[in-house]
Amino acid sequence: MELNMTAPNSTDEPCCGGATTWIDLDTATRLAARLAAVADPTRLQVMSIIANSPQGEVCACDFVGPLEKSQPTISHHLKVLSEAGLVEGERRGRWIWYRLAASGIDTLGSELLRNTGG
């Protein structure tokens, strides 16, 4: 993460005492992409189902019924969450079992707090 330390006006002086520090565009873009992964009701439901599973993991086939979505739709949502580092999958025979990637969720939360002054 790189913080920009100058104001975005022609004099490089803050106008009216405004912000003098903010995250750079690359960092903001990466963080926004990870946040977009959880900014979907179905994906939040997927994460909730996994989090509330007694085993801490759920077979991909077990999302279809509760969420009333097709298997390809479920697979798409799991792929988005996986690419964002929020879930991890392990193939067992024909199916993939998913669990929350605790470090990915913790990292997302801390990145958000760090970059928004929390």
Protein backbone atom coordinates (compact mmCIF):
# COMPACT_ATOMS: atom_id res chain seq x y z
CA MET A 1 0.00 0.00 0.00
CA GLU A 2 1.27 3.39 -0.89
CA LEU A 3 -0.18 6.58 0.53
CA ASN A 4 -0.25 9.73 -1.55
CA MET A 5 1.01 12.62 0.53
CA THR A 6 0.14 15.55 -1.71
CA ALA A 7 -3.15 17.19 -2.54
CA PRO A 8 -4.49 16.70 -6.10
CA ASN A 9 -4.64 20.38 -7.06
CA SER A 10 -2.32 22.52 -9.11
CA THR A 11 -0.53 24.06 -6.12
CA ASP A 12 -0.03 20.77 -4.25
CA GLU A 13 -1.43 22.53 -1.19
CA PRO A 14 -4.55 21.24 0.51
CA CYS A 15 -7.58 23.37 -0.16
CA CYS A 16 -9.55 24.35 2.98
CA GLY A 17 -7.51 21.99 5.14
CA GLY A 18 -8.79 18.91 3.30
CA ALA A 19 -7.32 15.47 2.99
CA THR A 20 -3.58 15.21 2.59
CA THR A 21 -3.28 11.41 2.63
CA TRP A 22 -5.17 8.72 0.69
CA ILE A 23 -4.55 5.33 -0.84
CA ASP A 24 -3.17 5.09 -4.34
CA LEU A 25 -5.37 3.95 -7.21
CA ASP A 26 -3.78 0.48 -7.52
CA THR A 27 -4.39 -0.28 -3.84
CA ALA A 28 -7.93 1.08 -4.03
CA THR A 29 -8.63 -1.01 -7.14
CA ARG A 30 -7.35 -4.25 -5.52
CA LEU A 31 -9.33 -3.60 -2.33
CA ALA A 32 -12.48 -2.72 -4.28
CA ALA A 33 -12.24 -5.97 -6.26
CA ARG A 34 -12.04 -8.02 -3.05
CA LEU A 35 -14.90 -6.08 -1.49
CA ALA A 36 -16.97 -6.60 -4.66
CA ALA A 37 -16.58 -10.35 -4.13
CA VAL A 38 -18.57 -10.11 -0.89
CA ALA A 39 -20.93 -7.37 -2.10
CA ASP A 40 -23.38 -9.92 -3.44
CA PRO A 41 -26.24 -11.47 -1.46
CA THR A 42 -25.65 -14.99 -2.81
CA ARG A 43 -21.94 -14.89 -2.01
CA LEU A 44 -22.69 -13.65 1.51
CA GLN A 45 -25.12 -16.55 1.89
CA VAL A 46 -22.46 -18.98 0.65
CA MET A 47 -20.00 -17.66 3.23
CA SER A 48 -22.67 -17.86 5.94
CA ILE A 49 -23.50 -21.47 5.07
CA ILE A 50 -19.83 -22.41 5.29
CA ALA A 51 -19.29 -20.47 8.52
CA ASN A 52 -22.27 -22.16 10.15
CA SER A 53 -21.43 -25.68 8.99
CA PRO A 54 -20.63 -27.96 11.95
CA GLN A 55 -17.70 -29.38 9.95
CA GLY A 56 -16.44 -25.96 8.87
CA GLU A 57 -16.69 -27.00 5.23
CA VAL A 58 -19.42 -27.63 2.69
CA CYS A 59 -19.58 -29.65 -0.51
CA ALA A 60 -20.35 -27.53 -3.58
CA CYS A 61 -23.43 -29.67 -4.21
CA ASP A 62 -24.92 -28.67 -0.86
CA PHE A 63 -25.43 -25.01 -1.82
CA VAL A 64 -27.90 -25.70 -4.62
CA GLY A 65 -30.94 -26.55 -2.48
CA PRO A 66 -30.72 -23.88 0.23
CA LEU A 67 -29.88 -21.08 -2.21
CA GLU A 68 -32.24 -22.24 -4.95
CA LYS A 69 -29.57 -21.61 -7.58
CA SER A 70 -28.26 -23.86 -10.33
CA GLN A 71 -24.94 -25.66 -9.92
CA PRO A 72 -23.26 -23.47 -12.59
CA THR A 73 -24.40 -20.34 -10.73
CA ILE A 74 -23.10 -21.70 -7.43
CA SER A 75 -19.81 -22.61 -9.11
CA HIS A 76 -19.48 -19.07 -10.44
CA HIS A 77 -19.99 -17.55 -6.99
CA LEU A 78 -17.54 -19.97 -5.40
CA LYS A 79 -14.97 -19.11 -8.07
CA VAL A 80 -15.34 -15.38 -7.38
CA LEU A 81 -14.92 -15.96 -3.63
CA SER A 82 -11.96 -18.25 -4.24
CA GLU A 83 -10.21 -15.76 -6.53
CA ALA A 84 -10.69 -13.09 -3.86
CA GLY A 85 -8.97 -15.39 -1.36
CA LEU A 86 -12.06 -15.70 0.84
CA VAL A 87 -12.80 -19.42 0.41
CA GLU A 88 -10.60 -22.42 -0.26
CA GLY A 89 -11.63 -25.58 -2.03
CA GLU A 90 -10.39 -29.16 -1.89
CA ARG A 91 -11.39 -31.69 -4.53
CA ARG A 92 -12.62 -34.99 -3.16
CA GLY A 93 -13.62 -37.29 -5.96
CA ARG A 94 -16.20 -35.56 -8.13
CA TRP A 95 -16.95 -32.68 -5.75
CA ILE A 96 -15.09 -29.77 -4.23
CA TRP A 97 -15.46 -29.05 -0.53
CA TYR A 98 -15.18 -25.40 0.49
CA ARG A 99 -14.10 -23.76 3.72
CA LEU A 100 -13.58 -20.13 4.64
CA ALA A 101 -10.05 -18.87 4.14
CA ALA A 102 -9.70 -17.27 7.56
CA SER A 103 -6.52 -15.43 6.65
CA GLY A 104 -8.20 -14.01 3.54
CA ILE A 105 -11.13 -12.68 5.55
CA ASP A 106 -8.87 -11.28 8.27
CA THR A 107 -6.64 -9.67 5.65
CA LEU A 108 -9.60 -8.06 3.88
CA GLY A 109 -10.86 -6.60 7.14
CA SER A 110 -7.48 -5.26 8.19
CA GLU A 111 -6.81 -3.82 4.72
CA LEU A 112 -10.13 -2.01 4.80
CA LEU A 113 -9.44 -0.59 8.26
CA ARG A 114 -5.85 0.37 7.43
CA ASN A 115 -6.79 2.11 4.20
CA THR A 116 -9.83 3.95 5.52
CA GLY A 117 -8.27 5.19 8.72
CA GLY A 118 -10.17 2.78 10.97
